[in-house]
PDB file of N, CA and C in Angstrom:
ATOM      1  N   UNK A   1    -148.364  17.435 -37.301  1.00  0.00           N
ATOM      2  CA  UNK A   1    -150.354  17.777 -36.988  1.00  0.00           C
ATOM      3  C   UNK A   1    -151.008  16.203 -36.618  1.00  0.00           C
ATOM      4  N   UNK A   2    -150.128  15.406 -38.037  1.00  0.00           N
ATOM      5  CA  UNK A   2    -151.322  14.145 -38.657  1.00  0.00           C
ATOM      6  C   UNK A   2    -150.439  13.580 -37.736  1.00  0.00           C
ATOM      7  N   UNK A   3    -149.146  13.335 -37.316  1.00  0.00           N
ATOM      8  CA  UNK A   3    -149.073  12.420 -36.416  1.00  0.00           C
ATOM      9  C   UNK A   3    -150.214  12.630 -34.692  1.00  0.00           C
ATOM     10  N   UNK A   4    -150.361  13.649 -34.190  1.00  0.00           N
ATOM     11  CA  UNK A   4    -150.534  13.713 -32.957  1.00  0.00           C
ATOM     12  C   UNK A   4    -152.529  12.865 -33.410  1.00  0.00           C
ATOM     13  N   UNK A   5    -152.599  13.394 -34.353  1.00  0.00           N
ATOM     14  CA  UNK A   5    -154.197  12.924 -34.822  1.00  0.00           C
ATOM     15  C   UNK A   5    -154.299  11.215 -34.919  1.00  0.00           C
ATOM     16  N   UNK A   6    -152.732  10.734 -35.116  1.00  0.00           N
ATOM     17  CA  UNK A   6    -152.943   9.517 -35.485  1.00  0.00           C
ATOM     18  C   UNK A   6    -152.927   8.528 -34.162  1.00  0.00           C
ATOM     19  N   UNK A   7    -151.736   9.070 -33.315  1.00  0.00           N
ATOM     20  CA  UNK A   7    -150.836   9.000 -32.647  1.00  0.00           C
ATOM     21  C   UNK A   7    -152.857   8.762 -31.367  1.00  0.00           C
ATOM     22  N   UNK A   8    -153.174   9.786 -31.338  1.00  0.00           N
ATOM     23  CA  UNK A   8    -154.447  10.190 -30.758  1.00  0.00           C
ATOM     24  C   UNK A   8    -155.512   9.187 -31.066  1.00  0.00           C
ATOM     25  N   UNK A   9    -155.764   8.737 -32.289  1.00  0.00           N
ATOM     26  CA  UNK A   9    -156.446   7.897 -32.344  1.00  0.00           C
ATOM     27  C   UNK A   9    -156.798   6.555 -32.239  1.00  0.00           C
ATOM     28  N   UNK A  10    -155.486   6.050 -32.337  1.00  0.00           N
ATOM     29  CA  UNK A  10    -154.848   4.946 -31.802  1.00  0.00           C
ATOM     30  C   UNK A  10    -155.478   5.167 -30.701  1.00  0.00           C
ATOM     31  N   UNK A  11    -154.503   5.787 -29.882  1.00  0.00           N
ATOM     32  CA  UNK A  11    -155.094   5.568 -28.186  1.00  0.00           C
ATOM     33  C   UNK A  11    -156.099   5.719 -28.095  1.00  0.00           C
ATOM     34  N   UNK A  12    -157.378   6.119 -28.605  1.00  0.00           N
ATOM     35  CA  UNK A  12    -158.553   5.564 -27.818  1.00  0.00           C
ATOM     36  C   UNK A  12    -159.046   4.737 -28.718  1.00  0.00           C
ATOM     37  N   UNK A  13    -158.928   4.184 -29.737  1.00  0.00           N
ATOM     38  CA  UNK A  13    -159.107   2.752 -29.944  1.00  0.00           C
ATOM     39  C   UNK A  13    -158.776   1.705 -29.055  1.00  0.00           C
ATOM     40  N   UNK A  14    -157.429   1.947 -28.372  1.00  0.00           N
ATOM     41  CA  UNK A  14    -157.089   1.340 -27.755  1.00  0.00           C
ATOM     42  C   UNK A  14    -157.513   1.105 -26.350  1.00  0.00           C
ATOM     43  N   UNK A  15    -157.925   2.472 -26.061  1.00  0.00           N
ATOM     44  CA  UNK A  15    -158.882   2.789 -24.564  1.00  0.00           C
ATOM     45  C   UNK A  15    -160.533   1.726 -24.824  1.00  0.00           C
ATOM     46  N   UNK A  16    -160.581   2.116 -26.396  1.00  0.00           N
ATOM     47  CA  UNK A  16    -162.011   1.883 -26.429  1.00  0.00           C
ATOM     48  C   UNK A  16    -162.340  -0.203 -25.968  1.00  0.00           C
ATOM     49  N   UNK A  17    -161.232  -0.609 -26.928  1.00  0.00           N
ATOM     50  CA  UNK A  17    -161.065  -2.278 -27.384  1.00  0.00           C
ATOM     51  C   UNK A  17    -160.547  -2.563 -26.294  1.00  0.00           C
ATOM     52  N   UNK A  18    -160.201  -2.107 -24.928  1.00  0.00           N
ATOM     53  CA  UNK A  18    -159.765  -2.244 -23.294  1.00  0.00           C
ATOM     54  C   UNK A  18    -161.183  -2.553 -22.492  1.00  0.00           C
ATOM     55  N   UNK A  19    -162.269  -1.474 -22.546  1.00  0.00           N
ATOM     56  CA  UNK A  19    -163.039  -1.013 -21.836  1.00  0.00           C
ATOM     57  C   UNK A  19    -164.551  -2.424 -22.228  1.00  0.00           C
ATOM     58  N   UNK A  20    -164.091  -2.448 -23.549  1.00  0.00           N
ATOM     59  CA  UNK A  20    -165.237  -3.118 -24.289  1.00  0.00           C
ATOM     60  C   UNK A  20    -164.913  -4.581 -23.985  1.00  0.00           C
ATOM     61  N   UNK A  21    -163.853  -5.047 -23.853  1.00  0.00           N
ATOM     62  CA  UNK A  21    -163.272  -6.403 -23.418  1.00  0.00           C
ATOM     63  C   UNK A  21    -163.364  -6.521 -22.064  1.00  0.00           C
ATOM     64  N   UNK A  22    -163.610  -5.603 -21.347  1.00  0.00           N
ATOM     65  CA  UNK A  22    -163.045  -6.095 -19.665  1.00  0.00           C
ATOM     66  C   UNK A  22    -164.530  -5.569 -19.118  1.00  0.00           C
ATOM     67  N   UNK A  23    -165.566  -4.931 -19.518  1.00  0.00           N
ATOM     68  CA  UNK A  23    -167.198  -4.868 -19.036  1.00  0.00           C
ATOM     69  C   UNK A  23    -167.045  -6.070 -18.962  1.00  0.00           C
ATOM     70  N   UNK A  24    -167.536  -6.934 -20.016  1.00  0.00           N
ATOM     71  CA  UNK A  24    -168.569  -8.101 -19.856  1.00  0.00           C
ATOM     72  C   UNK A  24    -167.876  -9.177 -18.864  1.00  0.00           C
ATOM     73  N   UNK A  25    -167.016  -9.324 -18.985  1.00  0.00           N
ATOM     74  CA  UNK A  25    -165.867  -9.985 -17.651  1.00  0.00           C
ATOM     75  C   UNK A  25    -166.292  -9.151 -16.386  1.00  0.00           C
ATOM     76  N   UNK A  26    -166.726  -8.242 -16.040  1.00  0.00           N
ATOM     77  CA  UNK A  26    -166.711  -7.766 -14.653  1.00  0.00           C
ATOM     78  C   UNK A  26    -168.513  -8.462 -14.166  1.00  0.00           C
ATOM     79  N   UNK A  27    -168.981  -8.154 -15.744  1.00  0.00           N
ATOM     80  CA  UNK A  27    -170.000  -7.775 -15.423  1.00  0.00           C
ATOM     81  C   UNK A  27    -170.716  -9.100 -14.992  1.00  0.00           C
ATOM     82  N   UNK A  28    -170.441 -10.388 -15.316  1.00  0.00           N
ATOM     83  CA  UNK A  28    -171.150 -11.470 -15.551  1.00  0.00           C
ATOM     84  C   UNK A  28    -170.168 -12.366 -14.701  1.00  0.00           C
ATOM     85  N   UNK A  29    -169.519 -11.791 -13.908  1.00  0.00           N
ATOM     86  CA  UNK A  29    -168.487 -12.851 -12.860  1.00  0.00           C
ATOM     87  C   UNK A  29    -168.656 -13.693 -11.929  1.00  0.00           C
ATOM     88  N   UNK A  30    -169.743 -13.117 -11.590  1.00  0.00           N
ATOM     89  CA  UNK A  30    -171.067 -14.290 -10.172  1.00  0.00           C
ATOM     90  C   UNK A  30    -171.943 -14.976 -10.561  1.00  0.00           C
ATOM     91  N   UNK A  31    -172.045 -14.770 -11.797  1.00  0.00           N
ATOM     92  CA  UNK A  31    -173.468 -15.067 -12.293  1.00  0.00           C
ATOM     93  C   UNK A  31    -172.855 -17.025 -13.310  1.00  0.00           C
ATOM     94  N   UNK A  32    -173.989 -17.580 -13.357  1.00  0.00           N
ATOM     95  CA  UNK A  32    -173.993 -18.738 -14.260  1.00  0.00           C
ATOM     96  C   UNK A  32    -173.447 -17.966 -15.742  1.00  0.00           C
ATOM     97  N   UNK A  33    -172.385 -19.181 -16.440  1.00  0.00           N
ATOM     98  CA  UNK A  33    -172.438 -18.756 -17.166  1.00  0.00           C
ATOM     99  C   UNK A  33    -173.140 -19.031 -18.512  1.00  0.00           C
ATOM    100  N   UNK A  34    -173.251 -18.401 -19.351  1.00  0.00           N
ATOM    101  CA  UNK A  34    -174.653 -17.921 -20.456  1.00  0.00           C
ATOM    102  C   UNK A  34    -173.830 -17.741 -21.505  1.00  0.00           C
ATOM    103  N   UNK A  35    -173.409 -18.845 -22.390  1.00  0.00           N
ATOM    104  CA  UNK A  35    -172.351 -18.737 -23.583  1.00  0.00           C
ATOM    105  C   UNK A  35    -173.270 -17.707 -24.967  1.00  0.00           C
ATOM    106  N   UNK A  36    -174.410 -18.149 -25.327  1.00  0.00           N
ATOM    107  CA  UNK A  36    -175.049 -17.848 -26.431  1.00  0.00           C
ATOM    108  C   UNK A  36    -175.401 -16.137 -25.811  1.00  0.00           C
ATOM    109  N   UNK A  37    -175.104 -15.246 -24.788  1.00  0.00           N
ATOM    110  CA  UNK A  37    -175.492 -14.194 -24.498  1.00  0.00           C
ATOM    111  C   UNK A  37    -174.867 -13.486 -24.136  1.00  0.00           C
ATOM    112  N   UNK A  38    -173.267 -14.345 -23.745  1.00  0.00           N
ATOM    113  CA  UNK A  38    -171.728 -13.892 -24.083  1.00  0.00           C
ATOM    114  C   UNK A  38    -171.878 -13.304 -25.167  1.00  0.00           C
ATOM    115  N   UNK A  39    -171.902 -14.415 -26.417  1.00  0.00           N
ATOM    116  CA  UNK A  39    -171.447 -13.751 -27.642  1.00  0.00           C
ATOM    117  C   UNK A  39    -172.288 -13.464 -28.162  1.00  0.00           C
ATOM    118  N   UNK A  40    -173.762 -12.888 -28.110  1.00  0.00           N
ATOM    119  CA  UNK A  40    -174.037 -11.592 -28.674  1.00  0.00           C
ATOM    120  C   UNK A  40    -173.516 -10.535 -28.099  1.00  0.00           C
ATOM    121  N   UNK A  41    -173.315 -10.588 -27.070  1.00  0.00           N
ATOM    122  CA  UNK A  41    -172.781  -9.381 -26.526  1.00  0.00           C
ATOM    123  C   UNK A  41    -170.973  -9.021 -27.189  1.00  0.00           C
ATOM    124  N   UNK A  42    -170.511 -10.158 -27.020  1.00  0.00           N
ATOM    125  CA  UNK A  42    -169.254  -9.673 -27.535  1.00  0.00           C
ATOM    126  C   UNK A  42    -169.589  -9.119 -29.470  1.00  0.00           C
ATOM    127  N   UNK A  43    -170.524  -9.597 -29.817  1.00  0.00           N
ATOM    128  CA  UNK A  43    -170.877  -9.313 -31.527  1.00  0.00           C
ATOM    129  C   UNK A  43    -171.764  -8.156 -31.594  1.00  0.00           C
ATOM    130  N   UNK A  44    -171.585  -7.633 -30.564  1.00  0.00           N
ATOM    131  CA  UNK A  44    -171.732  -5.789 -30.160  1.00  0.00           C
ATOM    132  C   UNK A  44    -170.813  -5.157 -30.198  1.00  0.00           C
ATOM    133  N   UNK A  45    -170.149  -5.351 -29.009  1.00  0.00           N
ATOM    134  CA  UNK A  45    -169.270  -4.520 -29.352  1.00  0.00           C
ATOM    135  C   UNK A  45    -168.058  -4.949 -30.232  1.00  0.00           C
ATOM    136  N   UNK A  46    -168.461  -5.771 -31.044  1.00  0.00           N
ATOM    137  CA  UNK A  46    -167.053  -6.101 -32.108  1.00  0.00           C
ATOM    138  C   UNK A  46    -167.980  -4.967 -33.703  1.00  0.00           C
ATOM    139  N   UNK A  47    -169.212  -5.421 -33.367  1.00  0.00           N
ATOM    140  CA  UNK A  47    -169.621  -4.090 -34.183  1.00  0.00           C
ATOM    141  C   UNK A  47    -169.580  -2.670 -34.188  1.00  0.00           C
ATOM    142  N   UNK A  48    -169.702  -2.114 -33.022  1.00  0.00           N
ATOM    143  CA  UNK A  48    -169.409  -1.035 -32.947  1.00  0.00           C
ATOM    144  C   UNK A  48    -167.572  -0.468 -32.881  1.00  0.00           C
ATOM    145  N   UNK A  49    -166.895  -1.930 -32.546  1.00  0.00           N
ATOM    146  CA  UNK A  49    -165.582  -0.996 -33.044  1.00  0.00           C
ATOM    147  C   UNK A  49    -165.204  -1.470 -34.690  1.00  0.00           C
ATOM    148  N   UNK A  50    -166.049  -2.124 -34.808  1.00  0.00           N
ATOM    149  CA  UNK A  50    -166.074  -2.106 -36.584  1.00  0.00           C
ATOM    150  C   UNK A  50    -166.669  -0.769 -37.219  1.00  0.00           C
ATOM    151  N   UNK A  51    -167.644  -0.447 -36.891  1.00  0.00           N
ATOM    152  CA  UNK A  51    -167.900   0.802 -36.810  1.00  0.00           C
ATOM    153  C   UNK A  51    -166.854   1.782 -37.140  1.00  0.00           C
ATOM    154  N   UNK A  52    -165.889   1.775 -36.475  1.00  0.00           N
ATOM    155  CA  UNK A  52    -164.454   3.052 -36.738  1.00  0.00           C
ATOM    156  C   UNK A  52    -163.602   2.293 -37.261  1.00  0.00           C
ATOM    157  N   UNK A  53    -163.434   0.709 -36.975  1.00  0.00           N
ATOM    158  CA  UNK A  53    -162.234   0.253 -37.784  1.00  0.00           C
ATOM    159  C   UNK A  53    -162.553  -1.236 -38.323  1.00  0.00           C
ATOM    160  N   UNK A  54    -162.866  -1.169 -39.366  1.00  0.00           N
ATOM    161  CA  UNK A  54    -163.305  -2.338 -40.108  1.00  0.00           C
ATOM    162  C   UNK A  54    -162.177  -3.637 -39.924  1.00  0.00           C
ATOM    163  N   UNK A  55    -161.326  -3.125 -39.966  1.00  0.00           N
ATOM    164  CA  UNK A  55    -159.985  -4.269 -39.726  1.00  0.00           C
ATOM    165  C   UNK A  55    -160.193  -4.765 -37.888  1.00  0.00           C
ATOM    166  N   UNK A  56    -160.152  -3.634 -37.185  1.00  0.00           N
ATOM    167  CA  UNK A  56    -160.432  -4.303 -36.005  1.00  0.00           C
ATOM    168  C   UNK A  56    -161.540  -4.685 -35.001  1.00  0.00           C
ATOM    169  N   UNK A  57    -162.931  -4.374 -36.348  1.00  0.00           N
ATOM    170  CA  UNK A  57    -163.891  -5.293 -35.854  1.00  0.00           C
ATOM    171  C   UNK A  57    -163.654  -6.283 -36.447  1.00  0.00           C
ATOM    172  N   UNK A  58    -163.177  -7.118 -37.362  1.00  0.00           N
ATOM    173  CA  UNK A  58    -163.202  -8.278 -37.946  1.00  0.00           C
ATOM    174  C   UNK A  58    -162.923  -8.642 -36.794  1.00  0.00           C
ATOM    175  N   UNK A  59    -161.431  -8.949 -36.594  1.00  0.00           N
ATOM    176  CA  UNK A  59    -160.168  -9.421 -36.157  1.00  0.00           C
ATOM    177  C   UNK A  59    -161.618  -9.809 -34.408  1.00  0.00           C
ATOM    178  N   UNK A  60    -162.039  -8.774 -34.075  1.00  0.00           N
ATOM    179  CA  UNK A  60    -162.401  -9.071 -32.810  1.00  0.00           C
ATOM    180  C   UNK A  60    -163.516  -9.890 -32.890  1.00  0.00           C
ATOM    181  N   UNK A  61    -164.790 -10.148 -34.416  1.00  0.00           N
ATOM    182  CA  UNK A  61    -165.556 -11.133 -33.933  1.00  0.00           C
ATOM    183  C   UNK A  61    -164.796 -12.292 -34.068  1.00  0.00           C
ATOM    184  N   UNK A  62    -163.607 -12.675 -34.755  1.00  0.00           N
ATOM    185  CA  UNK A  62    -162.947 -13.681 -34.400  1.00  0.00           C
ATOM    186  C   UNK A  62    -162.162 -14.095 -32.961  1.00  0.00           C
ATOM    187  N   UNK A  63    -162.057 -13.214 -32.384  1.00  0.00           N
ATOM    188  CA  UNK A  63    -162.023 -13.709 -31.270  1.00  0.00           C
ATOM    189  C   UNK A  63    -163.506 -13.894 -30.135  1.00  0.00           C
ATOM    190  N   UNK A  64    -164.134 -13.384 -30.728  1.00  0.00           N
ATOM    191  CA  UNK A  64    -165.797 -13.439 -30.022  1.00  0.00           C
ATOM    192  C   UNK A  64    -165.931 -15.173 -30.946  1.00  0.00           C
ATOM    193  N   UNK A  65    -165.057 -15.383 -31.624  1.00  0.00           N
ATOM    194  CA  UNK A  65    -166.154 -17.101 -32.069  1.00  0.00           C
ATOM    195  C   UNK A  65    -164.822 -18.548 -31.583  1.00  0.00           C
ATOM    196  N   UNK A  66    -163.462 -17.562 -31.145  1.00  0.00           N
ATOM    197  CA  UNK A  66    -163.002 -18.800 -30.349  1.00  0.00           C
ATOM    198  C   UNK A  66    -163.820 -18.132 -29.280  1.00  0.00           C
ATOM    199  N   UNK A  67    -163.969 -17.433 -28.301  1.00  0.00           N
ATOM    200  CA  UNK A  67    -164.818 -17.783 -26.570  1.00  0.00           C
ATOM    201  C   UNK A  67    -165.498 -18.696 -26.834  1.00  0.00           C
ATOM    202  N   UNK A  68    -166.713 -18.310 -27.689  1.00  0.00           N
ATOM    203  CA  UNK A  68    -167.694 -19.195 -27.971  1.00  0.00           C
ATOM    204  C   UNK A  68    -167.612 -20.366 -27.483  1.00  0.00           C
ATOM    205  N   UNK A  69    -166.622 -20.956 -28.929  1.00  0.00           N
ATOM    206  CA  UNK A  69    -166.318 -22.202 -28.568  1.00  0.00           C
ATOM    207  C   UNK A  69    -165.472 -22.735 -27.361  1.00  0.00           C
ATOM    208  N   UNK A  70    -164.772 -21.460 -26.861  1.00  0.00           N
ATOM    209  CA  UNK A  70    -164.468 -22.350 -25.451  1.00  0.00           C
ATOM    210  C   UNK A  70    -165.349 -22.628 -24.476  1.00  0.00           C
ATOM    211  N   UNK A  71    -166.199 -21.799 -24.772  1.00  0.00           N
ATOM    212  CA  UNK A  71    -167.435 -21.375 -23.643  1.00  0.00           C
ATOM    213  C   UNK A  71    -168.470 -23.153 -23.758  1.00  0.00           C
ATOM    214  N   UNK A  72    -168.880 -23.015 -25.192  1.00  0.00           N
ATOM    215  CA  UNK A  72    -169.295 -24.123 -25.408  1.00  0.00           C
ATOM    216  C   UNK A  72    -168.498 -25.789 -24.685  1.00  0.00           C
ATOM    217  N   UNK A  73    -167.408 -25.848 -24.788  1.00  0.00           N
ATOM    218  CA  UNK A  73    -166.293 -26.798 -24.830  1.00  0.00           C
ATOM    219  C   UNK A  73    -166.130 -27.238 -23.491  1.00  0.00           C
ATOM    220  N   UNK A  74    -165.534 -26.038 -22.545  1.00  0.00           N
ATOM    221  CA  UNK A  74    -165.197 -26.225 -21.698  1.00  0.00           C
ATOM    222  C   UNK A  74    -166.171 -25.403 -20.756  1.00  0.00           C
ATOM    223  N   UNK A  75    -166.700 -24.434 -20.268  1.00  0.00           N
ATOM    224  CA  UNK A  75    -167.260 -23.976 -19.393  1.00  0.00           C
ATOM    225  C   UNK A  75    -169.156 -24.579 -19.436  1.00  0.00           C
ATOM    226  N   UNK A  76    -169.509 -24.643 -20.135  1.00  0.00           N
ATOM    227  CA  UNK A  76    -170.741 -25.518 -20.144  1.00  0.00           C
ATOM    228  C   UNK A  76    -170.879 -27.084 -19.947  1.00  0.00           C
TER     229      UNK A  76
END
């Protein structure tokens, strides 16, 4: 029973991570890039993920920081 619950939890967190990663990309694809707004949105998503799994939330914050630096350097 514990293995089923563990697999279900991992699956749900994976789906949540995928959805929160793709939604900002799809919704802002046609707009002018705004690095600060994208960074704030990314941090909100990281906070939601950290509520369920602090380790995954911390990794997500690192991805947010890398994306922000990339946006400032190459997109803006």
